[in-house]
Amino acid sequence: MKKATISDVARKANVSKSTVSRVINNAPSVDEELRERVLAAIEKLDYQPSRAARQLKKNLKDAVGFMVPSISDTIFGAVIQSAQDYAYKKKMGILLYSTADDLERQKRYLDDLLTEEIAGLVVVPAPNTNPQVLRNMQDQGIPIVLLDRKLVGIDADYIGSDNTQGAYDAVTHLIDCGYTKIATIAGSQLVSTGIERLIGYRMAMTEANLPIAPDYIQYGNFDDHESYQALKTLIKLDNPPEAVFVSNDAMTIAVLRAVRDLGIRVPHDIAIVAFDELQLSELLTPSLTTIEQATEALGQEALRLLFDRIKRQDRRATRIVRIPTKMNIRNSSAGSAKK
């Protein structure tokens, strides 16, 4: 298959090639709407920004790699924007990659980065990532910071939200509202975020001496279709739950779609608390109770850790940084509506 060019990206986004170049180089003068269009075109065409970056930068030691599952994802998009702002202040560029959680794509991008003169890498590892592929980069003197997802088998700094505490807070809030039959639509158990949020759910239920019915744990696996079906499964149980904790924003959108299609009333028929703040959480009817991640802090802290590691070039103990989450209590979990 022919590789996409910068001209293809410009045509897809309906912008000039110079605009594409400025987006790739994180130029602050680019309008945000244009930036989003270009980034979406890059992802759609599987374009590799590093190719253009080589033409536009003579010294790539002034750049770091930043690898995420999707640049159009609400949470990762906000983290990327924060990281770009921080990098700009430090006079560093970001070479951005979107892996779609595909191991082959991730490996190809990592191989590409090994040929680049980058200063370091921030990466959200895809599920089932072999830690050796990242250790290979460290062996080449490239510092790595793991973002959002931990990975066993690599000695690297890590930055992420306090997923377990956030999930615990979500379920405890439902318990405090008077709900006792509480289900969860859990994320993938192949990544640490999904595992940690399920642990938080179990901790809250156990602490409150509430039984966890096996059918009350459904796996949406951070997937739209599976999450939609998971909510339908819960509603059709002989003893359906009164409330549900949903483990991320994409799954929540699917759950809300299922709620609409089934004609379910929230919170009268089922209360909902979601991990991740949706942009329209306050405007939904009813408004959505959420556990909000500090995306600005995540993006900035990821690069702060990386830049500090680059500057010091030492072998001190790796650092694990957990950013607290924030609960936004709204109407979707209203205890007064409990049956």
C-alpha atoms as a PDB file:
ATOM      1  CA  MET A   1       0.000   0.000   0.000  1.00  0.00           C
ATOM      2  CA  LYS A   2       1.314   3.433  -0.948  1.00  0.00           C
ATOM      3  CA  LYS A   3       2.385   5.490   2.043  1.00  0.00           C
ATOM      4  CA  ALA A   4       0.475   8.694   2.632  1.00  0.00           C
ATOM      5  CA  THR A   5       2.282  11.950   1.909  1.00  0.00           C
ATOM      6  CA  ILE A   6       2.036  15.378   3.461  1.00  0.00           C
ATOM      7  CA  SER A   7       0.027  16.392   0.376  1.00  0.00           C
ATOM      8  CA  ASP A   8      -2.467  13.587   1.079  1.00  0.00           C
ATOM      9  CA  VAL A   9      -2.906  14.835   4.633  1.00  0.00           C
ATOM     10  CA  ALA A  10      -3.389  18.421   3.438  1.00  0.00           C
ATOM     11  CA  ARG A  11      -5.991  17.331   0.891  1.00  0.00           C
ATOM     12  CA  LYS A  12      -7.839  15.158   3.434  1.00  0.00           C
ATOM     13  CA  ALA A  13      -7.947  17.981   5.989  1.00  0.00           C
ATOM     14  CA  ASN A  14      -8.644  20.637   3.346  1.00  0.00           C
ATOM     15  CA  VAL A  15      -5.682  22.752   4.454  1.00  0.00           C
ATOM     16  CA  SER A  16      -2.358  23.798   2.966  1.00  0.00           C
ATOM     17  CA  LYS A  17       0.802  21.710   3.248  1.00  0.00           C
ATOM     18  CA  SER A  18       2.362  24.472   5.314  1.00  0.00           C
ATOM     19  CA  THR A  19      -0.475  24.142   7.838  1.00  0.00           C
ATOM     20  CA  VAL A  20       0.167  20.407   8.090  1.00  0.00           C
ATOM     21  CA  SER A  21       3.855  21.129   8.665  1.00  0.00           C
ATOM     22  CA  ARG A  22       3.076  23.651  11.383  1.00  0.00           C
ATOM     23  CA  VAL A  23       0.788  21.153  13.142  1.00  0.00           C
ATOM     24  CA  ILE A  24       3.476  18.465  12.993  1.00  0.00           C
ATOM     25  CA  ASN A  25       5.982  20.914  14.447  1.00  0.00           C
ATOM     26  CA  ASN A  26       3.531  21.982  17.191  1.00  0.00           C
ATOM     27  CA  ALA A  27       3.519  25.600  16.058  1.00  0.00           C
ATOM     28  CA  PRO A  28       1.442  27.639  18.543  1.00  0.00           C
ATOM     29  CA  SER A  29      -0.081  29.836  15.817  1.00  0.00           C
ATOM     30  CA  VAL A  30      -2.298  27.078  14.370  1.00  0.00           C
ATOM     31  CA  ASP A  31      -6.033  27.480  14.954  1.00  0.00           C
ATOM     32  CA  GLU A  32      -7.323  24.662  17.183  1.00  0.00           C
ATOM     33  CA  GLU A  33     -10.062  23.646  14.755  1.00  0.00           C
ATOM     34  CA  LEU A  34      -7.477  23.330  11.949  1.00  0.00           C
ATOM     35  CA  ARG A  35      -5.127  21.424  14.249  1.00  0.00           C
ATOM     36  CA  GLU A  36      -7.839  18.885  15.084  1.00  0.00           C
ATOM     37  CA  ARG A  37      -8.674  18.398  11.392  1.00  0.00           C
ATOM     38  CA  VAL A  38      -5.044  17.795  10.506  1.00  0.00           C
ATOM     39  CA  LEU A  39      -4.519  15.361  13.401  1.00  0.00           C
ATOM     40  CA  ALA A  40      -7.654  13.455  12.416  1.00  0.00           C
ATOM     41  CA  ALA A  41      -6.404  13.228   8.802  1.00  0.00           C
ATOM     42  CA  ILE A  42      -2.991  12.012   9.990  1.00  0.00           C
ATOM     43  CA  GLU A  43      -4.632   9.241  11.979  1.00  0.00           C
ATOM     44  CA  LYS A  44      -7.078   8.298   9.199  1.00  0.00           C
ATOM     45  CA  LEU A  45      -4.319   8.040   6.582  1.00  0.00           C
ATOM     46  CA  ASP A  46      -1.829   6.374   8.953  1.00  0.00           C
ATOM     47  CA  TYR A  47       0.635   9.142   8.070  1.00  0.00           C
ATOM     48  CA  GLN A  48       3.959   9.185   9.916  1.00  0.00           C
ATOM     49  CA  PRO A  49       4.694  12.727  11.115  1.00  0.00           C
ATOM     50  CA  SER A  50       8.331  11.838  11.736  1.00  0.00           C
ATOM     51  CA  ARG A  51       8.968  11.778   7.998  1.00  0.00           C
ATOM     52  CA  ALA A  52       7.991  15.422   7.696  1.00  0.00           C
ATOM     53  CA  ALA A  53       9.676  16.232  10.970  1.00  0.00           C
ATOM     54  CA  ARG A  54      13.002  15.093   9.528  1.00  0.00           C
ATOM     55  CA  GLN A  55      12.603  17.610   6.735  1.00  0.00           C
ATOM     56  CA  LEU A  56      11.585  20.413   9.052  1.00  0.00           C
ATOM     57  CA  LYS A  57      14.026  19.822  11.916  1.00  0.00           C
ATOM     58  CA  LYS A  58      17.782  19.597  11.588  1.00  0.00           C
ATOM     59  CA  ASN A  59      18.317  18.638  15.208  1.00  0.00           C
ATOM     60  CA  LEU A  60      15.821  16.010  16.370  1.00  0.00           C
ATOM     61  CA  LYS A  61      17.530  15.904  19.758  1.00  0.00           C
ATOM     62  CA  ASP A  62      15.189  18.832  20.346  1.00  0.00           C
ATOM     63  CA  ALA A  63      12.205  16.481  19.949  1.00  0.00           C
ATOM     64  CA  VAL A  64      10.606  13.675  21.929  1.00  0.00           C
ATOM     65  CA  GLY A  65       8.281  10.905  20.802  1.00  0.00           C
ATOM     66  CA  PHE A  66       4.727  10.737  22.137  1.00  0.00           C
ATOM     67  CA  MET A  67       2.811   7.517  21.423  1.00  0.00           C
ATOM     68  CA  VAL A  68      -0.883   7.046  22.301  1.00  0.00           C
ATOM     69  CA  PRO A  69      -3.679   4.699  21.186  1.00  0.00           C
ATOM     70  CA  SER A  70      -5.623   7.495  19.473  1.00  0.00           C
ATOM     71  CA  ILE A  71      -5.067  11.202  18.965  1.00  0.00           C
ATOM     72  CA  SER A  72      -8.817  11.742  18.509  1.00  0.00           C
ATOM     73  CA  ASP A  73      -9.732  10.180  21.870  1.00  0.00           C
ATOM     74  CA  THR A  74     -11.188  12.799  24.227  1.00  0.00           C
ATOM     75  CA  ILE A  75      -8.873  11.999  27.135  1.00  0.00           C
ATOM     76  CA  PHE A  76      -5.667  11.402  25.195  1.00  0.00           C
ATOM     77  CA  GLY A  77      -6.403  14.416  23.000  1.00  0.00           C
ATOM     78  CA  ALA A  78      -6.525  16.635  26.076  1.00  0.00           C
ATOM     79  CA  VAL A  79      -3.343  15.056  27.467  1.00  0.00           C
ATOM     80  CA  ILE A  80      -1.553  15.632  24.156  1.00  0.00           C
ATOM     81  CA  GLN A  81      -2.603  19.279  24.036  1.00  0.00           C
ATOM     82  CA  SER A  82      -1.297  19.826  27.550  1.00  0.00           C
ATOM     83  CA  ALA A  83       1.975  18.077  26.687  1.00  0.00           C
ATOM     84  CA  GLN A  84       2.378  20.175  23.539  1.00  0.00           C
ATOM     85  CA  ASP A  85       1.891  23.384  25.513  1.00  0.00           C
ATOM     86  CA  TYR A  86       4.496  22.257  28.052  1.00  0.00           C
ATOM     87  CA  ALA A  87       6.957  21.177  25.347  1.00  0.00           C
ATOM     88  CA  TYR A  88       6.596  24.509  23.555  1.00  0.00           C
ATOM     89  CA  LYS A  89       7.567  26.383  26.700  1.00  0.00           C
ATOM     90  CA  LYS A  90      10.639  24.163  26.988  1.00  0.00           C
ATOM     91  CA  LYS A  91      11.505  24.705  23.301  1.00  0.00           C
ATOM     92  CA  MET A  92      11.052  21.019  22.535  1.00  0.00           C
ATOM     93  CA  GLY A  93       9.065  19.429  19.722  1.00  0.00           C
ATOM     94  CA  ILE A  94       6.803  16.376  19.884  1.00  0.00           C
ATOM     95  CA  LEU A  95       6.717  13.619  17.271  1.00  0.00           C
ATOM     96  CA  LEU A  96       3.212  12.242  17.644  1.00  0.00           C
ATOM     97  CA  TYR A  97       2.187   8.646  16.884  1.00  0.00           C
ATOM     98  CA  SER A  98      -1.217   6.929  17.084  1.00  0.00           C
ATOM     99  CA  THR A  99      -0.983   3.146  17.466  1.00  0.00           C
ATOM    100  CA  ALA A 100      -4.703   2.219  17.523  1.00  0.00           C
ATOM    101  CA  ASP A 101      -3.582  -0.286  20.198  1.00  0.00           C
ATOM    102  CA  ASP A 102      -2.164  -2.415  17.371  1.00  0.00           C
ATOM    103  CA  LEU A 103       1.034  -4.270  18.274  1.00  0.00           C
ATOM    104  CA  GLU A 104       2.386  -4.372  14.712  1.00  0.00           C
ATOM    105  CA  ARG A 105       1.833  -0.666  14.185  1.00  0.00           C
ATOM    106  CA  GLN A 106       3.388   0.104  17.557  1.00  0.00           C
ATOM    107  CA  LYS A 107       6.445  -2.005  16.734  1.00  0.00           C
ATOM    108  CA  ARG A 108       6.921  -0.291  13.379  1.00  0.00           C
ATOM    109  CA  TYR A 109       6.709   3.141  14.971  1.00  0.00           C
ATOM    110  CA  LEU A 110       9.155   2.136  17.699  1.00  0.00           C
ATOM    111  CA  ASP A 111      11.553   0.815  15.055  1.00  0.00           C
ATOM    112  CA  ASP A 112      11.229   4.124  13.218  1.00  0.00           C
ATOM    113  CA  LEU A 113      12.026   6.032  16.391  1.00  0.00           C
ATOM    114  CA  LEU A 114      15.172   3.995  16.918  1.00  0.00           C
ATOM    115  CA  THR A 115      16.509   5.566  13.717  1.00  0.00           C
ATOM    116  CA  GLU A 116      15.603   9.065  14.888  1.00  0.00           C
ATOM    117  CA  GLU A 117      17.752  11.301  17.026  1.00  0.00           C
ATOM    118  CA  ILE A 118      15.017  11.848  19.588  1.00  0.00           C
ATOM    119  CA  ALA A 119      15.709  12.775  23.183  1.00  0.00           C
ATOM    120  CA  GLY A 120      13.129  10.482  24.794  1.00  0.00           C
ATOM    121  CA  LEU A 121       9.716   8.826  24.540  1.00  0.00           C
ATOM    122  CA  VAL A 122       6.368   8.988  26.338  1.00  0.00           C
ATOM    123  CA  VAL A 123       4.273   5.925  25.499  1.00  0.00           C
ATOM    124  CA  VAL A 124       0.884   4.411  26.323  1.00  0.00           C
ATOM    125  CA  PRO A 125       1.771   0.755  25.661  1.00  0.00           C
ATOM    126  CA  ALA A 126      -0.670  -1.304  23.601  1.00  0.00           C
ATOM    127  CA  PRO A 127      -2.214  -4.400  25.236  1.00  0.00           C
ATOM    128  CA  ASN A 128       0.177  -7.393  25.353  1.00  0.00           C
ATOM    129  CA  THR A 129       3.213  -5.233  24.583  1.00  0.00           C
ATOM    130  CA  ASN A 130       6.462  -7.171  24.905  1.00  0.00           C
ATOM    131  CA  PRO A 131       8.560  -5.046  27.298  1.00  0.00           C
ATOM    132  CA  GLN A 132      11.678  -6.013  25.341  1.00  0.00           C
ATOM    133  CA  VAL A 133      10.700  -3.685  22.493  1.00  0.00           C
ATOM    134  CA  LEU A 134      10.849  -0.759  24.904  1.00  0.00           C
ATOM    135  CA  ARG A 135      13.970  -2.013  26.637  1.00  0.00           C
ATOM    136  CA  ASN A 136      15.633  -1.978  23.205  1.00  0.00           C
ATOM    137  CA  MET A 137      15.077   1.771  23.085  1.00  0.00           C
ATOM    138  CA  GLN A 138      16.457   2.222  26.571  1.00  0.00           C
ATOM    139  CA  ASP A 139      19.527   0.248  25.512  1.00  0.00           C
ATOM    140  CA  GLN A 140      20.024   2.874  22.796  1.00  0.00           C
ATOM    141  CA  GLY A 141      20.061   5.592  25.464  1.00  0.00           C
ATOM    142  CA  ILE A 142      16.449   6.740  24.937  1.00  0.00           C
ATOM    143  CA  PRO A 143      14.677   7.468  28.265  1.00  0.00           C
ATOM    144  CA  ILE A 144      11.050   6.274  28.463  1.00  0.00           C
ATOM    145  CA  VAL A 145       8.061   7.369  30.515  1.00  0.00           C
ATOM    146  CA  LEU A 146       5.016   5.089  30.618  1.00  0.00           C
ATOM    147  CA  LEU A 147       1.766   7.043  30.495  1.00  0.00           C
ATOM    148  CA  ASP A 148      -1.627   5.813  31.743  1.00  0.00           C
ATOM    149  CA  ARG A 149      -0.765   2.090  31.537  1.00  0.00           C
ATOM    150  CA  LYS A 150       1.864   0.263  33.542  1.00  0.00           C
ATOM    151  CA  LEU A 151       3.927  -2.481  31.924  1.00  0.00           C
ATOM    152  CA  VAL A 152       5.578  -5.336  33.789  1.00  0.00           C
ATOM    153  CA  GLY A 153       9.142  -6.134  32.772  1.00  0.00           C
ATOM    154  CA  ILE A 154      10.542  -2.669  32.121  1.00  0.00           C
ATOM    155  CA  ASP A 155      12.273  -0.293  34.505  1.00  0.00           C
ATOM    156  CA  ALA A 156      10.753   3.043  33.475  1.00  0.00           C
ATOM    157  CA  ASP A 157       9.098   6.049  35.093  1.00  0.00           C
ATOM    158  CA  TYR A 158       5.291   5.912  35.157  1.00  0.00           C
ATOM    159  CA  ILE A 159       2.593   8.590  35.312  1.00  0.00           C
ATOM    160  CA  GLY A 160      -1.129   7.873  35.537  1.00  0.00           C
ATOM    161  CA  SER A 161      -4.370   8.642  37.325  1.00  0.00           C
ATOM    162  CA  ASP A 162      -5.186   6.998  40.642  1.00  0.00           C
ATOM    163  CA  ASN A 163      -7.549   4.573  38.925  1.00  0.00           C
ATOM    164  CA  THR A 164      -8.256   2.343  41.899  1.00  0.00           C
ATOM    165  CA  GLN A 165      -9.132   5.234  44.201  1.00  0.00           C
ATOM    166  CA  GLY A 166     -11.232   6.907  41.518  1.00  0.00           C
ATOM    167  CA  ALA A 167     -13.266   3.747  40.927  1.00  0.00           C
ATOM    168  CA  TYR A 168     -13.582   3.199  44.681  1.00  0.00           C
ATOM    169  CA  ASP A 169     -14.893   6.747  45.096  1.00  0.00           C
ATOM    170  CA  ALA A 170     -17.424   6.228  42.288  1.00  0.00           C
ATOM    171  CA  VAL A 171     -18.889   3.059  43.775  1.00  0.00           C
ATOM    172  CA  THR A 172     -18.771   4.392  47.341  1.00  0.00           C
ATOM    173  CA  HIS A 173     -20.774   7.398  46.165  1.00  0.00           C
ATOM    174  CA  LEU A 174     -23.466   5.081  44.772  1.00  0.00           C
ATOM    175  CA  ILE A 175     -23.514   3.175  48.068  1.00  0.00           C
ATOM    176  CA  ASP A 176     -23.852   6.444  49.993  1.00  0.00           C
ATOM    177  CA  CYS A 177     -26.825   7.302  47.750  1.00  0.00           C
ATOM    178  CA  GLY A 178     -28.567   4.156  49.009  1.00  0.00           C
ATOM    179  CA  TYR A 179     -27.936   1.758  46.141  1.00  0.00           C
ATOM    180  CA  THR A 180     -27.016  -1.817  47.057  1.00  0.00           C
ATOM    181  CA  LYS A 181     -27.320  -3.687  43.758  1.00  0.00           C
ATOM    182  CA  ILE A 182     -24.408  -2.114  41.907  1.00  0.00           C
ATOM    183  CA  ALA A 183     -22.891  -3.470  38.706  1.00  0.00           C
ATOM    184  CA  THR A 184     -19.864  -2.426  36.682  1.00  0.00           C
ATOM    185  CA  ILE A 185     -19.017  -2.425  33.003  1.00  0.00           C
ATOM    186  CA  ALA A 186     -15.293  -3.032  33.270  1.00  0.00           C
ATOM    187  CA  GLY A 187     -12.477  -2.131  30.928  1.00  0.00           C
ATOM    188  CA  SER A 188     -10.008  -4.514  29.322  1.00  0.00           C
ATOM    189  CA  GLN A 189      -8.152  -6.685  31.812  1.00  0.00           C
ATOM    190  CA  LEU A 190      -5.169  -6.703  29.438  1.00  0.00           C
ATOM    191  CA  VAL A 191      -4.163  -3.186  30.534  1.00  0.00           C
ATOM    192  CA  SER A 192      -3.526  -1.801  34.008  1.00  0.00           C
ATOM    193  CA  THR A 193      -6.230   0.877  33.811  1.00  0.00           C
ATOM    194  CA  GLY A 194      -8.963  -1.736  33.344  1.00  0.00           C
ATOM    195  CA  ILE A 195      -7.530  -3.936  36.082  1.00  0.00           C
ATOM    196  CA  GLU A 196      -7.162  -1.099  38.602  1.00  0.00           C
ATOM    197  CA  ARG A 197     -10.674   0.265  38.084  1.00  0.00           C
ATOM    198  CA  LEU A 198     -12.199  -3.172  38.592  1.00  0.00           C
ATOM    199  CA  ILE A 199     -10.151  -3.523  41.792  1.00  0.00           C
ATOM    200  CA  GLY A 200     -11.602  -0.210  43.008  1.00  0.00           C
ATOM    201  CA  TYR A 201     -15.135  -1.456  42.352  1.00  0.00           C
ATOM    202  CA  ARG A 202     -14.491  -4.677  44.275  1.00  0.00           C
ATOM    203  CA  MET A 203     -12.870  -2.806  47.170  1.00  0.00           C
ATOM    204  CA  ALA A 204     -15.863  -0.494  47.643  1.00  0.00           C
ATOM    205  CA  MET A 205     -18.394  -3.326  47.477  1.00  0.00           C
ATOM    206  CA  THR A 206     -16.411  -5.518  49.868  1.00  0.00           C
ATOM    207  CA  GLU A 207     -15.875  -2.688  52.357  1.00  0.00           C
ATOM    208  CA  ALA A 208     -19.637  -2.063  52.427  1.00  0.00           C
ATOM    209  CA  ASN A 209     -20.338  -5.792  52.897  1.00  0.00           C
ATOM    210  CA  LEU A 210     -22.334  -5.855  49.675  1.00  0.00           C
ATOM    211  CA  PRO A 211     -22.380  -9.054  47.601  1.00  0.00           C
ATOM    212  CA  ILE A 212     -20.857  -8.966  44.127  1.00  0.00           C
ATOM    213  CA  ALA A 213     -23.064 -11.013  41.848  1.00  0.00           C
ATOM    214  CA  PRO A 214     -20.975 -12.595  39.056  1.00  0.00           C
ATOM    215  CA  ASP A 215     -23.443 -11.291  36.450  1.00  0.00           C
ATOM    216  CA  TYR A 216     -22.965  -7.771  37.787  1.00  0.00           C
ATOM    217  CA  ILE A 217     -19.452  -7.636  36.353  1.00  0.00           C
ATOM    218  CA  GLN A 218     -19.718  -7.203  32.596  1.00  0.00           C
ATOM    219  CA  TYR A 219     -16.695  -6.516  30.398  1.00  0.00           C
ATOM    220  CA  GLY A 220     -16.983  -3.676  27.907  1.00  0.00           C
ATOM    221  CA  ASN A 221     -13.227  -3.909  27.243  1.00  0.00           C
ATOM    222  CA  PHE A 222     -13.082  -0.203  26.316  1.00  0.00           C
ATOM    223  CA  ASP A 223     -15.109  -1.088  23.205  1.00  0.00           C
ATOM    224  CA  ASP A 224     -18.333   0.584  22.000  1.00  0.00           C
ATOM    225  CA  HIS A 225     -20.152  -2.528  20.802  1.00  0.00           C
ATOM    226  CA  GLU A 226     -19.228  -4.688  23.790  1.00  0.00           C
ATOM    227  CA  SER A 227     -20.253  -1.951  26.231  1.00  0.00           C
ATOM    228  CA  TYR A 228     -23.601  -1.482  24.485  1.00  0.00           C
ATOM    229  CA  GLN A 229     -24.277  -5.195  24.767  1.00  0.00           C
ATOM    230  CA  ALA A 230     -23.060  -5.244  28.381  1.00  0.00           C
ATOM    231  CA  LEU A 231     -25.688  -2.717  29.451  1.00  0.00           C
ATOM    232  CA  LYS A 232     -28.411  -4.675  27.648  1.00  0.00           C
ATOM    233  CA  THR A 233     -27.259  -7.841  29.424  1.00  0.00           C
ATOM    234  CA  LEU A 234     -27.472  -6.144  32.826  1.00  0.00           C
ATOM    235  CA  ILE A 235     -30.944  -4.760  32.196  1.00  0.00           C
ATOM    236  CA  LYS A 236     -32.286  -8.147  31.082  1.00  0.00           C
ATOM    237  CA  LEU A 237     -31.101  -9.995  34.196  1.00  0.00           C
ATOM    238  CA  ASP A 238     -33.803 -11.549  36.394  1.00  0.00           C
ATOM    239  CA  ASN A 239     -32.465  -9.364  39.190  1.00  0.00           C
ATOM    240  CA  PRO A 240     -31.119  -6.285  37.370  1.00  0.00           C
ATOM    241  CA  PRO A 241     -28.830  -3.801  39.152  1.00  0.00           C
ATOM    242  CA  GLU A 242     -30.022  -0.464  40.495  1.00  0.00           C
ATOM    243  CA  ALA A 243     -26.803   1.293  39.488  1.00  0.00           C
ATOM    244  CA  VAL A 244     -23.760   0.809  37.280  1.00  0.00           C
ATOM    245  CA  PHE A 245     -20.195   2.104  37.289  1.00  0.00           C
ATOM    246  CA  VAL A 246     -18.787   2.446  33.750  1.00  0.00           C
ATOM    247  CA  SER A 247     -15.001   2.349  33.379  1.00  0.00           C
ATOM    248  CA  ASN A 248     -14.274   4.975  30.697  1.00  0.00           C
ATOM    249  CA  ASP A 249     -15.735   7.671  28.474  1.00  0.00           C
ATOM    250  CA  ALA A 250     -16.028   5.692  25.229  1.00  0.00           C
ATOM    251  CA  MET A 251     -17.889   2.904  27.007  1.00  0.00           C
ATOM    252  CA  THR A 252     -20.152   5.442  28.706  1.00  0.00           C
ATOM    253  CA  ILE A 253     -21.238   6.859  25.351  1.00  0.00           C
ATOM    254  CA  ALA A 254     -22.187   3.338  24.246  1.00  0.00           C
ATOM    255  CA  VAL A 255     -24.063   2.773  27.511  1.00  0.00           C
ATOM    256  CA  LEU A 256     -26.004   6.010  27.091  1.00  0.00           C
ATOM    257  CA  ARG A 257     -26.925   4.951  23.565  1.00  0.00           C
ATOM    258  CA  ALA A 258     -28.223   1.635  24.927  1.00  0.00           C
ATOM    259  CA  VAL A 259     -30.182   3.491  27.605  1.00  0.00           C
ATOM    260  CA  ARG A 260     -31.848   5.577  24.907  1.00  0.00           C
ATOM    261  CA  ASP A 261     -32.591   2.610  22.657  1.00  0.00           C
ATOM    262  CA  LEU A 262     -34.108   0.589  25.514  1.00  0.00           C
ATOM    263  CA  GLY A 263     -36.181   3.481  26.820  1.00  0.00           C
ATOM    264  CA  ILE A 264     -34.578   3.299  30.270  1.00  0.00           C
ATOM    265  CA  ARG A 265     -34.919   6.187  32.716  1.00  0.00           C
ATOM    266  CA  VAL A 266     -31.775   7.418  34.480  1.00  0.00           C
ATOM    267  CA  PRO A 267     -31.513   7.347  37.462  1.00  0.00           C
ATOM    268  CA  HIS A 268     -35.064   5.995  38.077  1.00  0.00           C
ATOM    269  CA  ASP A 269     -34.420   2.630  36.396  1.00  0.00           C
ATOM    270  CA  ILE A 270     -30.637   2.606  36.745  1.00  0.00           C
ATOM    271  CA  ALA A 271     -28.166   5.120  38.157  1.00  0.00           C
ATOM    272  CA  ILE A 272     -24.892   5.747  36.315  1.00  0.00           C
ATOM    273  CA  VAL A 273     -21.450   6.932  37.377  1.00  0.00           C
ATOM    274  CA  ALA A 274     -18.747   7.090  34.714  1.00  0.00           C
ATOM    275  CA  PHE A 275     -14.980   7.191  34.849  1.00  0.00           C
ATOM    276  CA  ASP A 276     -13.835  10.143  32.671  1.00  0.00           C
ATOM    277  CA  GLU A 277     -15.512  13.488  32.198  1.00  0.00           C
ATOM    278  CA  LEU A 278     -17.387  13.845  28.917  1.00  0.00           C
ATOM    279  CA  GLN A 279     -17.450  17.310  27.360  1.00  0.00           C
ATOM    280  CA  LEU A 280     -21.250  17.313  27.534  1.00  0.00           C
ATOM    281  CA  SER A 281     -21.585  15.682  30.970  1.00  0.00           C
ATOM    282  CA  GLU A 282     -23.282  18.739  32.483  1.00  0.00           C
ATOM    283  CA  LEU A 283     -25.557  19.264  29.482  1.00  0.00           C
ATOM    284  CA  LEU A 284     -26.946  15.731  29.289  1.00  0.00           C
ATOM    285  CA  THR A 285     -30.429  15.008  30.653  1.00  0.00           C
ATOM    286  CA  PRO A 286     -29.962  13.952  33.349  1.00  0.00           C
ATOM    287  CA  SER A 287     -26.505  15.399  33.860  1.00  0.00           C
ATOM    288  CA  LEU A 288     -23.823  12.730  34.291  1.00  0.00           C
ATOM    289  CA  THR A 289     -21.904  11.977  37.494  1.00  0.00           C
ATOM    290  CA  THR A 290     -18.271  11.406  36.573  1.00  0.00           C
ATOM    291  CA  ILE A 291     -14.790  10.692  37.855  1.00  0.00           C
ATOM    292  CA  GLU A 292     -12.647  13.298  36.114  1.00  0.00           C
ATOM    293  CA  GLN A 293      -8.993  12.733  35.254  1.00  0.00           C
ATOM    294  CA  ALA A 294      -6.580  15.657  35.535  1.00  0.00           C
ATOM    295  CA  THR A 295      -5.573  15.571  31.858  1.00  0.00           C
ATOM    296  CA  GLU A 296      -3.581  18.792  32.016  1.00  0.00           C
ATOM    297  CA  ALA A 297      -1.502  17.507  34.912  1.00  0.00           C
ATOM    298  CA  LEU A 298      -1.007  14.130  33.199  1.00  0.00           C
ATOM    299  CA  GLY A 299       0.378  15.686  30.021  1.00  0.00           C
ATOM    300  CA  GLN A 300       2.650  18.145  31.778  1.00  0.00           C
ATOM    301  CA  GLU A 301       3.896  15.696  34.393  1.00  0.00           C
ATOM    302  CA  ALA A 302       4.680  13.058  31.754  1.00  0.00           C
ATOM    303  CA  LEU A 303       7.003  15.465  29.980  1.00  0.00           C
ATOM    304  CA  ARG A 304       8.411  16.848  33.233  1.00  0.00           C
ATOM    305  CA  LEU A 305       9.427  13.326  34.246  1.00  0.00           C
ATOM    306  CA  LEU A 306      10.900  12.682  30.805  1.00  0.00           C
ATOM    307  CA  PHE A 307      12.801  15.964  30.585  1.00  0.00           C
ATOM    308  CA  ASP A 308      14.184  15.438  34.082  1.00  0.00           C
ATOM    309  CA  ARG A 309      15.376  11.947  33.122  1.00  0.00           C
ATOM    310  CA  ILE A 310      16.920  13.292  29.898  1.00  0.00           C
ATOM    311  CA  LYS A 311      18.714  16.063  31.755  1.00  0.00           C
ATOM    312  CA  ARG A 312      20.088  13.927  34.570  1.00  0.00           C
ATOM    313  CA  GLN A 313      20.896  10.778  32.568  1.00  0.00           C
ATOM    314  CA  ASP A 314      21.238   8.858  35.811  1.00  0.00           C
ATOM    315  CA  ARG A 315      20.145   5.432  37.020  1.00  0.00           C
ATOM    316  CA  ARG A 316      18.286   6.420  40.160  1.00  0.00           C
ATOM    317  CA  ALA A 317      15.159   4.506  41.137  1.00  0.00           C
ATOM    318  CA  THR A 318      12.243   4.851  38.758  1.00  0.00           C
ATOM    319  CA  ARG A 319       9.368   7.033  39.814  1.00  0.00           C
ATOM    320  CA  ILE A 320       5.653   6.205  39.963  1.00  0.00           C
ATOM    321  CA  VAL A 321       3.369   9.245  39.975  1.00  0.00           C
ATOM    322  CA  ARG A 322      -0.354   8.932  40.644  1.00  0.00           C
ATOM    323  CA  ILE A 323      -2.540  11.944  39.877  1.00  0.00           C
ATOM    324  CA  PRO A 324      -5.726  12.160  42.015  1.00  0.00           C
ATOM    325  CA  THR A 325      -9.087  12.148  40.266  1.00  0.00           C
ATOM    326  CA  LYS A 326     -12.043  14.429  40.958  1.00  0.00           C
ATOM    327  CA  MET A 327     -15.664  13.411  41.464  1.00  0.00           C
ATOM    328  CA  ASN A 328     -18.337  15.521  39.775  1.00  0.00           C
ATOM    329  CA  ILE A 329     -21.672  14.641  41.404  1.00  0.00           C
ATOM    330  CA  ARG A 330     -24.644  15.275  39.142  1.00  0.00           C
ATOM    331  CA  ASN A 331     -28.164  13.926  38.553  1.00  0.00           C
ATOM    332  CA  SER A 332     -27.451  10.518  36.993  1.00  0.00           C
ATOM    333  CA  SER A 333     -26.683   9.128  40.452  1.00  0.00           C
ATOM    334  CA  ALA A 334     -29.384  10.919  42.438  1.00  0.00           C
ATOM    335  CA  GLY A 335     -30.144   8.822  45.486  1.00  0.00           C
ATOM    336  CA  SER A 336     -33.597  10.357  45.874  1.00  0.00           C
ATOM    337  CA  ALA A 337     -34.668   8.672  42.642  1.00  0.00           C
ATOM    338  CA  LYS A 338     -33.855   5.182  43.950  1.00  0.00           C
ATOM    339  CA  LYS A 339     -36.795   2.766  43.681  1.00  0.00           C
END
